């Protein structure tokens, strides 16, 4: 313990704890470094650094273009099952939506404050029991990372409006809806 105390006391009395002393020490060190390095070397290093940054910016722009193109393709692939879901409601045919969903998918909602969850077949049956109707949606959120995605839409089936949220997983080359949760919009 005595050694630790002595060391602590020695450090607290050094010039490094004094801001002016610290500035003076940094100034002395800087002068030593820059006086020993030729000015041409400093200018060369700064020029090369600037060129590297410029090239990096150009590469980032090219990568951004590729990512945006890939993201557009990915977005279209992710929205394909959502389109099938809405089309099934539009045509009153649950079979249209079946390829959009994983076989183990569920549909969940809250009713009078209680969680309700059913196998996705209930949705297919509901579409098939309904008459064809006007149906559309507006995409509000699409977030994808690798082979998983979350999509939120505001949909309308006839006079009824919904906030629909879907989790999707990539299955081979296709995206499948793994779960659908919704809230009626009044």
N, C-alpha and C. Protein backbone atom coordinates (compact mmCIF):
# COMPACT_ATOMS: atom_id res chain seq x y z
N UNK A 1 0.82 -1.19 0.00
CA UNK A 1 0.00 0.00 0.00
C UNK A 1 0.86 1.25 0.00
N UNK A 2 2.00 1.21 0.71
CA UNK A 2 2.85 2.40 0.78
C UNK A 2 3.38 2.76 -0.60
N UNK A 3 3.75 1.75 -1.38
CA UNK A 3 4.26 2.01 -2.73
C UNK A 3 3.20 2.66 -3.60
N UNK A 4 1.99 2.22 -3.49
CA UNK A 4 0.89 2.79 -4.29
C UNK A 4 0.68 4.24 -3.89
N UNK A 5 0.69 4.53 -2.60
CA UNK A 5 0.49 5.90 -2.13
C UNK A 5 1.60 6.81 -2.62
N UNK A 6 2.87 6.36 -2.53
CA UNK A 6 3.99 7.17 -2.98
C UNK A 6 3.86 7.49 -4.46
N UNK A 7 3.52 6.48 -5.23
CA UNK A 7 3.38 6.66 -6.68
C UNK A 7 2.28 7.65 -6.98
N UNK A 8 1.18 7.55 -6.27
CA UNK A 8 0.05 8.46 -6.47
C UNK A 8 0.47 9.88 -6.13
N UNK A 9 1.22 10.06 -5.03
CA UNK A 9 1.66 11.39 -4.64
C UNK A 9 2.67 11.95 -5.63
N UNK A 10 3.53 11.11 -6.16
CA UNK A 10 4.52 11.58 -7.13
C UNK A 10 3.83 12.06 -8.40
N UNK A 11 2.82 11.32 -8.87
CA UNK A 11 2.11 11.70 -10.09
C UNK A 11 1.33 12.99 -9.91
N UNK A 12 0.75 13.17 -8.74
CA UNK A 12 -0.08 14.35 -8.56
C UNK A 12 0.75 15.62 -8.52
N UNK A 13 2.04 15.53 -8.21
CA UNK A 13 2.87 16.71 -8.15
C UNK A 13 3.59 16.98 -9.46
N UNK A 14 3.44 16.15 -10.47
CA UNK A 14 4.17 16.33 -11.72
C UNK A 14 3.56 17.44 -12.56
N UNK A 15 4.30 17.88 -13.56
CA UNK A 15 3.84 18.96 -14.45
C UNK A 15 2.67 18.52 -15.30
N UNK A 16 2.45 17.20 -15.46
CA UNK A 16 1.37 16.71 -16.30
C UNK A 16 0.00 17.03 -15.74
N UNK A 17 -0.10 17.26 -14.42
CA UNK A 17 -1.40 17.58 -13.86
C UNK A 17 -1.71 19.06 -14.02
N UNK A 18 -0.72 19.87 -14.36
CA UNK A 18 -0.89 21.29 -14.58
C UNK A 18 -1.14 21.51 -16.07
N UNK A 19 -2.27 22.10 -16.46
CA UNK A 19 -2.57 22.28 -17.88
C UNK A 19 -1.49 23.06 -18.62
N UNK A 20 -0.94 24.10 -18.02
CA UNK A 20 0.10 24.88 -18.70
C UNK A 20 1.37 24.05 -18.89
N UNK A 21 1.72 23.26 -17.88
CA UNK A 21 2.89 22.39 -17.98
C UNK A 21 2.70 21.35 -19.07
N UNK A 22 1.50 20.82 -19.17
CA UNK A 22 1.19 19.82 -20.19
C UNK A 22 1.34 20.42 -21.58
N UNK A 23 0.82 21.63 -21.77
CA UNK A 23 0.94 22.31 -23.07
C UNK A 23 2.40 22.54 -23.43
N UNK A 24 3.19 22.94 -22.44
CA UNK A 24 4.61 23.19 -22.69
C UNK A 24 5.31 21.90 -23.10
N UNK A 25 4.99 20.79 -22.39
CA UNK A 25 5.60 19.50 -22.74
C UNK A 25 5.22 19.05 -24.14
N UNK A 26 3.95 19.23 -24.51
CA UNK A 26 3.50 18.85 -25.85
C UNK A 26 4.20 19.71 -26.88
N UNK A 27 4.32 21.00 -26.60
CA UNK A 27 5.01 21.90 -27.52
C UNK A 27 6.45 21.48 -27.74
N UNK A 28 7.16 21.13 -26.68
CA UNK A 28 8.56 20.71 -26.78
C UNK A 28 8.68 19.43 -27.61
N UNK A 29 7.77 18.48 -27.35
CA UNK A 29 7.80 17.21 -28.08
C UNK A 29 7.52 17.46 -29.56
N UNK A 30 6.52 18.29 -29.87
CA UNK A 30 6.18 18.60 -31.26
C UNK A 30 7.36 19.23 -31.98
N UNK A 31 8.04 20.16 -31.32
CA UNK A 31 9.20 20.81 -31.95
C UNK A 31 10.27 19.79 -32.27
N UNK A 32 10.53 18.86 -31.34
CA UNK A 32 11.56 17.84 -31.57
C UNK A 32 11.18 16.97 -32.76
N UNK A 33 9.90 16.54 -32.83
CA UNK A 33 9.47 15.66 -33.92
C UNK A 33 9.57 16.38 -35.25
N UNK A 34 8.99 17.57 -35.34
CA UNK A 34 8.90 18.26 -36.63
C UNK A 34 10.23 18.87 -37.06
N UNK A 35 11.13 19.16 -36.12
CA UNK A 35 12.44 19.68 -36.53
C UNK A 35 13.31 18.57 -37.09
N UNK A 36 13.05 17.32 -36.70
CA UNK A 36 13.86 16.21 -37.20
C UNK A 36 13.32 15.62 -38.50
N UNK A 37 12.09 15.94 -38.86
CA UNK A 37 11.49 15.42 -40.08
C UNK A 37 11.52 16.52 -41.13
N UNK A 38 12.09 16.25 -42.31
CA UNK A 38 12.13 17.27 -43.35
C UNK A 38 10.71 17.70 -43.77
N UNK A 39 10.56 18.95 -44.11
CA UNK A 39 9.27 19.51 -44.51
C UNK A 39 8.71 18.77 -45.71
N UNK A 40 9.56 18.38 -46.65
CA UNK A 40 9.12 17.65 -47.84
C UNK A 40 8.44 16.34 -47.44
N UNK A 41 8.96 15.66 -46.45
CA UNK A 41 8.37 14.40 -46.01
C UNK A 41 6.98 14.62 -45.42
N UNK A 42 6.83 15.70 -44.67
CA UNK A 42 5.52 16.02 -44.08
C UNK A 42 4.51 16.32 -45.18
N UNK A 43 4.90 17.16 -46.15
CA UNK A 43 4.01 17.52 -47.26
C UNK A 43 3.66 16.28 -48.07
N UNK A 44 4.64 15.42 -48.32
CA UNK A 44 4.38 14.19 -49.07
C UNK A 44 3.39 13.29 -48.35
N UNK A 45 3.57 13.15 -47.05
CA UNK A 45 2.67 12.30 -46.27
C UNK A 45 1.24 12.85 -46.31
N UNK A 46 1.10 14.16 -46.18
CA UNK A 46 -0.24 14.76 -46.23
C UNK A 46 -0.87 14.59 -47.60
N UNK A 47 -0.06 14.73 -48.67
CA UNK A 47 -0.57 14.58 -50.04
C UNK A 47 -1.04 13.14 -50.28
N UNK A 48 -0.21 12.17 -49.90
CA UNK A 48 -0.59 10.76 -50.08
C UNK A 48 -1.84 10.44 -49.27
N UNK A 49 -1.91 10.96 -48.05
CA UNK A 49 -3.10 10.74 -47.22
C UNK A 49 -4.35 11.30 -47.88
N UNK A 50 -4.24 12.49 -48.46
CA UNK A 50 -5.37 13.10 -49.16
C UNK A 50 -5.82 12.28 -50.35
N UNK A 51 -4.86 11.75 -51.11
CA UNK A 51 -5.19 10.92 -52.26
C UNK A 51 -5.89 9.63 -51.83
N UNK A 52 -5.39 9.03 -50.75
CA UNK A 52 -6.02 7.80 -50.25
C UNK A 52 -7.46 8.06 -49.83
N UNK A 53 -7.69 9.17 -49.15
CA UNK A 53 -9.06 9.52 -48.74
C UNK A 53 -9.93 9.74 -49.96
N UNK A 54 -9.40 10.42 -50.97
CA UNK A 54 -10.15 10.68 -52.20
C UNK A 54 -10.53 9.37 -52.89
N UNK A 55 -9.56 8.44 -52.98
CA UNK A 55 -9.85 7.14 -53.60
C UNK A 55 -10.88 6.37 -52.79
N UNK A 56 -10.75 6.43 -51.47
CA UNK A 56 -11.70 5.73 -50.60
C UNK A 56 -13.11 6.27 -50.82
N UNK A 57 -13.25 7.61 -50.94
CA UNK A 57 -14.57 8.21 -51.18
C UNK A 57 -15.14 7.71 -52.50
N UNK A 58 -14.30 7.61 -53.55
CA UNK A 58 -14.76 7.13 -54.86
C UNK A 58 -15.22 5.68 -54.74
N UNK A 59 -14.45 4.85 -54.02
CA UNK A 59 -14.83 3.44 -53.83
C UNK A 59 -16.13 3.34 -53.04
N UNK A 60 -16.29 4.18 -52.01
CA UNK A 60 -17.53 4.16 -51.23
C UNK A 60 -18.72 4.52 -52.09
N UNK A 61 -18.56 5.49 -53.01
CA UNK A 61 -19.66 5.87 -53.91
C UNK A 61 -20.05 4.69 -54.79
N UNK A 62 -19.03 3.99 -55.34
CA UNK A 62 -19.32 2.81 -56.18
C UNK A 62 -20.02 1.73 -55.36
N UNK A 63 -19.56 1.50 -54.13
CA UNK A 63 -20.19 0.49 -53.28
C UNK A 63 -21.63 0.88 -52.94
N UNK A 64 -21.87 2.17 -52.69
CA UNK A 64 -23.22 2.63 -52.37
C UNK A 64 -24.16 2.35 -53.54
N UNK A 65 -23.68 2.58 -54.78
CA UNK A 65 -24.51 2.31 -55.95
C UNK A 65 -24.85 0.84 -56.03
N UNK A 66 -23.85 -0.04 -55.82
CA UNK A 66 -24.10 -1.48 -55.86
C UNK A 66 -25.06 -1.90 -54.76
N UNK A 67 -24.87 -1.36 -53.55
CA UNK A 67 -25.74 -1.71 -52.43
C UNK A 67 -27.17 -1.26 -52.72
N UNK A 68 -27.33 -0.04 -53.27
CA UNK A 68 -28.68 0.45 -53.57
C UNK A 68 -29.36 -0.45 -54.61
N UNK A 69 -28.60 -0.89 -55.63
CA UNK A 69 -29.19 -1.78 -56.64
C UNK A 69 -29.57 -3.11 -56.00
N UNK A 70 -28.67 -3.66 -55.18
CA UNK A 70 -28.97 -4.92 -54.49
C UNK A 70 -30.15 -4.75 -53.55
N UNK A 71 -30.21 -3.61 -52.85
CA UNK A 71 -31.31 -3.37 -51.93
C UNK A 71 -32.63 -3.29 -52.68
N UNK A 72 -32.64 -2.70 -53.89
CA UNK A 72 -33.88 -2.61 -54.66
C UNK A 72 -34.35 -4.01 -55.06
N UNK A 73 -33.42 -4.85 -55.49
CA UNK A 73 -33.77 -6.23 -55.84
C UNK A 73 -34.26 -6.98 -54.61
N UNK A 74 -33.58 -6.79 -53.50
CA UNK A 74 -33.97 -7.45 -52.26
C UNK A 74 -35.34 -6.95 -51.81
N UNK A 75 -35.57 -5.65 -51.91
CA UNK A 75 -36.85 -5.07 -51.51
C UNK A 75 -37.98 -5.68 -52.33
N UNK A 76 -37.79 -5.78 -53.64
CA UNK A 76 -38.83 -6.38 -54.50
C UNK A 76 -39.09 -7.84 -54.11
N UNK A 77 -38.02 -8.58 -53.81
CA UNK A 77 -38.17 -9.98 -53.43
C UNK A 77 -38.91 -10.11 -52.10
N UNK A 78 -38.61 -9.21 -51.15
CA UNK A 78 -39.26 -9.25 -49.84
C UNK A 78 -40.73 -8.87 -49.97
N UNK A 79 -41.05 -7.92 -50.84
CA UNK A 79 -42.44 -7.46 -50.99
C UNK A 79 -43.30 -8.41 -51.82
N UNK A 80 -42.70 -9.35 -52.53
CA UNK A 80 -43.48 -10.30 -53.33
C UNK A 80 -44.50 -11.06 -52.47
N UNK A 81 -44.12 -11.61 -51.30
CA UNK A 81 -45.14 -12.28 -50.47
C UNK A 81 -46.20 -11.31 -49.94
N UNK A 82 -45.83 -10.07 -49.69
CA UNK A 82 -46.80 -9.07 -49.22
C UNK A 82 -47.82 -8.81 -50.34
N UNK A 83 -47.32 -8.72 -51.56
CA UNK A 83 -48.21 -8.53 -52.72
C UNK A 83 -49.19 -9.70 -52.86
N UNK A 84 -48.69 -10.92 -52.64
CA UNK A 84 -49.57 -12.10 -52.72
C UNK A 84 -50.65 -12.05 -51.63
N UNK A 85 -50.26 -11.64 -50.44
CA UNK A 85 -51.20 -11.50 -49.33
C UNK A 85 -52.33 -10.54 -49.70
N UNK A 86 -52.00 -9.38 -50.24
CA UNK A 86 -53.01 -8.38 -50.59
C UNK A 86 -53.84 -8.87 -51.78
N UNK A 87 -53.19 -9.51 -52.74
CA UNK A 87 -53.90 -10.04 -53.91
C UNK A 87 -54.94 -11.10 -53.49
N UNK A 88 -54.61 -11.92 -52.51
CA UNK A 88 -55.54 -12.94 -52.02
C UNK A 88 -56.80 -12.27 -51.46
N UNK A 89 -56.62 -11.17 -50.74
CA UNK A 89 -57.78 -10.43 -50.23
C UNK A 89 -58.56 -9.77 -51.34
N UNK A 90 -57.86 -9.23 -52.33
CA UNK A 90 -58.51 -8.56 -53.46
C UNK A 90 -59.39 -9.54 -54.25
N UNK A 91 -58.89 -10.76 -54.42
CA UNK A 91 -59.62 -11.74 -55.23
C UNK A 91 -60.50 -12.67 -54.40
N UNK A 92 -60.41 -12.58 -53.07
CA UNK A 92 -61.21 -13.46 -52.23
C UNK A 92 -60.79 -14.92 -52.37
N UNK A 93 -59.47 -15.16 -52.46
CA UNK A 93 -58.97 -16.51 -52.67
C UNK A 93 -57.73 -16.73 -51.80
N UNK A 94 -57.89 -17.44 -50.68
CA UNK A 94 -56.79 -17.70 -49.75
C UNK A 94 -55.65 -18.50 -50.35
N UNK A 95 -55.94 -19.29 -51.42
CA UNK A 95 -54.89 -20.09 -52.04
C UNK A 95 -53.80 -19.22 -52.66
N UNK A 96 -54.15 -18.00 -53.05
CA UNK A 96 -53.15 -17.08 -53.64
C UNK A 96 -52.10 -16.73 -52.59
N UNK A 97 -52.50 -16.61 -51.34
CA UNK A 97 -51.57 -16.20 -50.27
C UNK A 97 -50.72 -17.35 -49.76
N UNK A 98 -51.13 -18.59 -49.96
CA UNK A 98 -50.40 -19.73 -49.38
C UNK A 98 -48.91 -19.76 -49.70
N UNK A 99 -48.48 -19.51 -50.95
CA UNK A 99 -47.03 -19.54 -51.23
C UNK A 99 -46.25 -18.42 -50.54
N UNK A 100 -46.93 -17.40 -50.04
CA UNK A 100 -46.26 -16.27 -49.40
C UNK A 100 -45.87 -16.59 -47.96
N UNK A 101 -46.49 -17.60 -47.35
CA UNK A 101 -46.31 -17.88 -45.93
C UNK A 101 -45.58 -19.20 -45.70
N UNK A 102 -44.79 -19.25 -44.64
CA UNK A 102 -44.19 -20.51 -44.19
C UNK A 102 -45.32 -21.40 -43.68
N UNK A 103 -45.15 -22.69 -43.80
CA UNK A 103 -46.23 -23.61 -43.39
C UNK A 103 -46.54 -23.50 -41.90
N UNK A 104 -45.59 -23.05 -41.12
CA UNK A 104 -45.79 -22.93 -39.66
C UNK A 104 -46.13 -21.50 -39.23
N UNK A 105 -46.44 -20.64 -40.18
CA UNK A 105 -46.71 -19.23 -39.87
C UNK A 105 -47.94 -19.08 -38.98
N UNK A 106 -47.95 -17.97 -38.25
CA UNK A 106 -49.09 -17.65 -37.38
C UNK A 106 -49.58 -16.23 -37.66
N UNK A 107 -50.79 -15.97 -37.20
CA UNK A 107 -51.36 -14.64 -37.26
C UNK A 107 -51.78 -14.29 -35.84
N UNK A 108 -51.37 -13.10 -35.37
CA UNK A 108 -51.65 -12.70 -33.99
C UNK A 108 -52.19 -11.28 -33.94
N UNK A 109 -52.97 -11.01 -32.90
CA UNK A 109 -53.53 -9.69 -32.66
C UNK A 109 -53.96 -9.62 -31.21
N UNK A 110 -54.34 -8.43 -30.78
CA UNK A 110 -54.84 -8.24 -29.42
C UNK A 110 -56.33 -7.93 -29.52
N UNK A 111 -57.12 -8.65 -28.73
CA UNK A 111 -58.57 -8.45 -28.74
C UNK A 111 -59.01 -8.22 -27.29
N UNK A 112 -59.57 -7.05 -27.03
CA UNK A 112 -59.98 -6.67 -25.68
C UNK A 112 -58.84 -6.84 -24.68
N UNK A 113 -57.63 -6.51 -25.12
CA UNK A 113 -56.47 -6.58 -24.25
C UNK A 113 -55.87 -7.96 -24.09
N UNK A 114 -56.40 -8.95 -24.78
CA UNK A 114 -55.89 -10.32 -24.67
C UNK A 114 -55.26 -10.76 -25.99
N UNK A 115 -54.12 -11.44 -25.89
CA UNK A 115 -53.43 -11.94 -27.07
C UNK A 115 -54.23 -13.05 -27.73
N UNK A 116 -54.38 -12.94 -29.04
CA UNK A 116 -54.99 -14.00 -29.85
C UNK A 116 -53.96 -14.41 -30.88
N UNK A 117 -53.82 -15.70 -31.09
CA UNK A 117 -52.88 -16.21 -32.09
C UNK A 117 -53.43 -17.48 -32.69
N UNK A 118 -53.39 -17.55 -34.02
CA UNK A 118 -53.95 -18.71 -34.73
C UNK A 118 -52.98 -19.14 -35.84
N UNK A 119 -53.08 -20.40 -36.26
CA UNK A 119 -52.30 -20.81 -37.44
C UNK A 119 -52.73 -19.97 -38.65
N UNK A 120 -51.84 -19.78 -39.58
CA UNK A 120 -52.10 -18.90 -40.72
C UNK A 120 -53.24 -19.42 -41.60
N UNK A 121 -53.59 -20.68 -41.49
CA UNK A 121 -54.70 -21.22 -42.27
C UNK A 121 -55.99 -20.43 -42.01
N UNK A 122 -56.15 -19.87 -40.82
CA UNK A 122 -57.33 -19.06 -40.51
C UNK A 122 -57.42 -17.85 -41.44
N UNK A 123 -56.29 -17.26 -41.78
CA UNK A 123 -56.28 -16.14 -42.72
C UNK A 123 -56.70 -16.62 -44.11
N UNK A 124 -56.13 -17.73 -44.56
CA UNK A 124 -56.50 -18.26 -45.88
C UNK A 124 -58.00 -18.55 -45.95
N UNK A 125 -58.53 -19.16 -44.90
CA UNK A 125 -59.96 -19.48 -44.85
C UNK A 125 -60.80 -18.20 -44.87
N UNK A 126 -60.34 -17.18 -44.16
CA UNK A 126 -61.05 -15.90 -44.13
C UNK A 126 -61.09 -15.25 -45.50
N UNK A 127 -59.97 -15.26 -46.21
CA UNK A 127 -59.94 -14.70 -47.56
C UNK A 127 -60.89 -15.47 -48.48
N UNK A 128 -60.85 -16.80 -48.40
CA UNK A 128 -61.68 -17.62 -49.29
C UNK A 128 -63.16 -17.48 -48.98
N UNK A 129 -63.51 -17.18 -47.74
CA UNK A 129 -64.93 -17.01 -47.37
C UNK A 129 -65.46 -15.63 -47.76
N UNK A 130 -64.57 -14.69 -48.03
CA UNK A 130 -64.99 -13.31 -48.36
C UNK A 130 -65.19 -13.14 -49.86
N UNK A 131 -65.96 -12.15 -50.18
CA UNK A 131 -66.13 -11.77 -51.59
C UNK A 131 -64.89 -10.99 -52.04
N UNK A 132 -64.59 -11.00 -53.33
CA UNK A 132 -63.52 -10.12 -53.81
C UNK A 132 -63.82 -8.68 -53.38
N UNK A 133 -62.77 -7.91 -53.12
CA UNK A 133 -62.95 -6.53 -52.64
C UNK A 133 -61.76 -5.67 -53.07
N UNK A 134 -61.92 -4.38 -52.95
CA UNK A 134 -60.80 -3.47 -53.16
C UNK A 134 -59.79 -3.73 -52.06
N UNK A 135 -58.52 -3.83 -52.43
CA UNK A 135 -57.48 -4.06 -51.43
C UNK A 135 -56.20 -3.38 -51.91
N UNK A 136 -55.50 -2.74 -50.99
CA UNK A 136 -54.23 -2.10 -51.31
C UNK A 136 -53.42 -1.95 -50.04
N UNK A 137 -52.18 -1.51 -50.22
CA UNK A 137 -51.35 -1.26 -49.04
C UNK A 137 -50.34 -0.17 -49.34
N UNK A 138 -49.85 0.40 -48.24
CA UNK A 138 -48.76 1.38 -48.30
C UNK A 138 -47.64 0.85 -47.41
N UNK A 139 -46.44 0.72 -47.96
CA UNK A 139 -45.28 0.28 -47.20
C UNK A 139 -44.84 1.41 -46.27
N UNK A 140 -44.69 1.11 -45.00
CA UNK A 140 -44.20 2.13 -44.05
C UNK A 140 -42.81 1.79 -43.52
N UNK A 141 -42.47 0.48 -43.42
CA UNK A 141 -41.15 0.08 -42.92
C UNK A 141 -40.73 -1.21 -43.60
N UNK A 142 -39.47 -1.23 -44.00
CA UNK A 142 -38.87 -2.48 -44.48
C UNK A 142 -37.45 -2.48 -43.94
N UNK A 143 -37.14 -3.44 -43.09
CA UNK A 143 -35.82 -3.54 -42.50
C UNK A 143 -35.34 -4.97 -42.69
N UNK A 144 -34.21 -5.12 -43.40
CA UNK A 144 -33.69 -6.46 -43.68
C UNK A 144 -32.25 -6.56 -43.24
N UNK A 145 -31.89 -7.72 -42.74
CA UNK A 145 -30.52 -8.02 -42.38
C UNK A 145 -30.26 -9.46 -42.76
N UNK A 146 -29.44 -9.65 -43.80
CA UNK A 146 -29.14 -11.00 -44.26
C UNK A 146 -30.41 -11.69 -44.75
N UNK A 147 -30.75 -12.79 -44.10
CA UNK A 147 -31.89 -13.61 -44.54
C UNK A 147 -33.15 -13.40 -43.70
N UNK A 148 -33.23 -12.30 -42.96
CA UNK A 148 -34.43 -11.99 -42.19
C UNK A 148 -34.87 -10.57 -42.48
N UNK A 149 -36.17 -10.33 -42.36
CA UNK A 149 -36.69 -8.99 -42.63
C UNK A 149 -37.94 -8.75 -41.78
N UNK A 150 -38.19 -7.47 -41.54
CA UNK A 150 -39.41 -7.02 -40.87
C UNK A 150 -40.06 -6.01 -41.79
N UNK A 151 -41.34 -6.19 -42.05
CA UNK A 151 -42.08 -5.29 -42.93
C UNK A 151 -43.32 -4.81 -42.20
N UNK A 152 -43.58 -3.51 -42.29
CA UNK A 152 -44.81 -2.93 -41.75
C UNK A 152 -45.53 -2.23 -42.89
N UNK A 153 -46.82 -2.50 -43.01
CA UNK A 153 -47.63 -1.86 -44.03
C UNK A 153 -48.91 -1.32 -43.38
N UNK A 154 -49.52 -0.38 -44.05
CA UNK A 154 -50.89 0.02 -43.73
C UNK A 154 -51.73 -0.49 -44.88
N UNK A 155 -52.66 -1.38 -44.58
CA UNK A 155 -53.45 -2.02 -45.63
C UNK A 155 -54.92 -1.64 -45.51
N UNK A 156 -55.61 -1.83 -46.61
CA UNK A 156 -57.05 -1.63 -46.62
C UNK A 156 -57.68 -2.75 -47.43
N UNK A 157 -58.63 -3.43 -46.80
CA UNK A 157 -59.40 -4.50 -47.43
C UNK A 157 -60.85 -4.07 -47.34
N UNK A 158 -61.43 -3.66 -48.49
CA UNK A 158 -62.78 -3.09 -48.46
C UNK A 158 -62.75 -1.85 -47.59
N UNK A 159 -63.70 -1.68 -46.68
CA UNK A 159 -63.70 -0.49 -45.84
C UNK A 159 -62.78 -0.60 -44.62
N UNK A 160 -62.21 -1.77 -44.38
CA UNK A 160 -61.41 -2.01 -43.17
C UNK A 160 -59.94 -1.67 -43.40
N UNK A 161 -59.36 -0.95 -42.42
CA UNK A 161 -57.96 -0.55 -42.49
C UNK A 161 -57.18 -1.22 -41.36
N UNK A 162 -55.92 -1.59 -41.67
CA UNK A 162 -55.09 -2.32 -40.71
C UNK A 162 -53.66 -1.80 -40.71
N UNK A 163 -53.01 -1.95 -39.57
CA UNK A 163 -51.55 -1.84 -39.46
C UNK A 163 -51.07 -3.28 -39.39
N UNK A 164 -50.41 -3.73 -40.44
CA UNK A 164 -49.92 -5.11 -40.52
C UNK A 164 -48.41 -5.12 -40.36
N UNK A 165 -47.91 -6.06 -39.57
CA UNK A 165 -46.47 -6.24 -39.39
C UNK A 165 -46.14 -7.69 -39.67
N UNK A 166 -45.08 -7.89 -40.44
CA UNK A 166 -44.69 -9.23 -40.86
C UNK A 166 -43.21 -9.47 -40.54
N UNK A 167 -42.90 -10.68 -40.12
CA UNK A 167 -41.51 -11.12 -40.07
C UNK A 167 -41.34 -12.11 -41.21
N UNK A 168 -40.25 -11.96 -41.93
CA UNK A 168 -39.99 -12.81 -43.08
C UNK A 168 -38.62 -13.46 -42.95
N UNK A 169 -38.49 -14.64 -43.52
CA UNK A 169 -37.23 -15.37 -43.53
C UNK A 169 -37.01 -15.86 -44.96
N UNK A 170 -35.76 -15.75 -45.42
CA UNK A 170 -35.45 -16.22 -46.77
C UNK A 170 -35.38 -17.74 -46.75
N UNK A 171 -36.07 -18.35 -47.69
CA UNK A 171 -36.13 -19.81 -47.82
C UNK A 171 -35.68 -20.14 -49.24
N UNK A 172 -34.40 -20.52 -49.39
CA UNK A 172 -33.85 -20.70 -50.73
C UNK A 172 -33.75 -19.34 -51.41
N UNK A 173 -34.44 -19.20 -52.55
CA UNK A 173 -34.44 -17.91 -53.25
C UNK A 173 -35.66 -17.07 -52.92
N UNK A 174 -36.59 -17.63 -52.19
CA UNK A 174 -37.85 -16.94 -51.90
C UNK A 174 -37.91 -16.47 -50.45
N UNK A 175 -38.67 -15.42 -50.25
CA UNK A 175 -38.95 -14.92 -48.90
C UNK A 175 -40.30 -15.45 -48.47
N UNK A 176 -40.39 -15.89 -47.22
CA UNK A 176 -41.63 -16.41 -46.66
C UNK A 176 -42.01 -15.61 -45.43
N UNK A 177 -43.29 -15.33 -45.30
CA UNK A 177 -43.79 -14.66 -44.11
C UNK A 177 -43.87 -15.72 -43.00
N UNK A 178 -43.19 -15.45 -41.90
CA UNK A 178 -43.18 -16.37 -40.78
C UNK A 178 -44.24 -16.02 -39.76
N UNK A 179 -44.52 -14.71 -39.62
CA UNK A 179 -45.60 -14.31 -38.71
C UNK A 179 -46.22 -13.01 -39.21
N UNK A 180 -47.50 -12.89 -38.92
CA UNK A 180 -48.26 -11.68 -39.24
C UNK A 180 -48.93 -11.24 -37.95
N UNK A 181 -48.72 -9.98 -37.59
CA UNK A 181 -49.47 -9.41 -36.48
C UNK A 181 -50.17 -8.17 -37.03
N UNK A 182 -51.31 -7.87 -36.46
CA UNK A 182 -52.03 -6.71 -37.00
C UNK A 182 -52.80 -5.99 -35.93
N UNK A 183 -53.15 -4.76 -36.26
CA UNK A 183 -53.98 -3.91 -35.43
C UNK A 183 -54.99 -3.23 -36.36
N UNK A 184 -56.26 -3.26 -36.00
CA UNK A 184 -57.27 -2.56 -36.79
C UNK A 184 -57.09 -1.06 -36.58
N UNK A 185 -57.14 -0.31 -37.68
CA UNK A 185 -57.07 1.15 -37.60
C UNK A 185 -58.50 1.69 -37.69
N UNK A 186 -58.88 2.45 -36.69
CA UNK A 186 -60.26 2.97 -36.66
C UNK A 186 -60.32 4.36 -37.22
